[in-house]
Amino acid sequence: MTKPIVRHEALKPLSRDHHHGLLLCWKIREGIKKQVSPARIKNYTDYFFTSQLRPHFRFEEREIFPLLGSYHSMKERAVNEHRRLEFLFKEEASVEIFTAIETELNRHIRFEERELFQELQKTASKEALQNITNKEEEVRTPDPEDWDDKFWLKEES
């Protein structure tokens, strides 16, 4: 059994965001499995990207990743993955695109949680991590569950 990851308090809100991202992946899988129309899934993924992911990505890039240093390979990987995900979210609705979003977002979140955040906790000073806590109000986002069309639970009535 793997030991649970101990997360610094400053990173816990970002980990909660990651949990919401993993739920998005599940919702996409459920939508595909239930053969929900791509337009319905796209409406939600557009909402989620605009209200959740884009602010999250910007906060990480502005406040978190610089703590790793200018040319850290994990920082470069994470930023490149953000750009790739942004591209995918802008694509036309299709099962193939949703599958790519689900796969790549899941992989990206696991990388940040298991590797990048662990590295950050080892290398960043306590003061730097504490400063993040003071800035997290900037990225408070609406509840991603505040969406009427819960396509992942049932078929269209």
Foldseek 3Di string as FASTA:
>chain_A
DDDDDDADPLCVVVLVLLVVLLVLLLLLVLLVVVVADLVVNLVLLVVCCVFRVVLSLVLCLVQPLCLVPDDDPLSVVLNVLSVVLVVLNPDDGDNVSSVVNSVSSNVSSCCCRVPVSVVSVVRGDPVSSVVSNVVCVVRDGDDSVPDDCSSSPDYDD
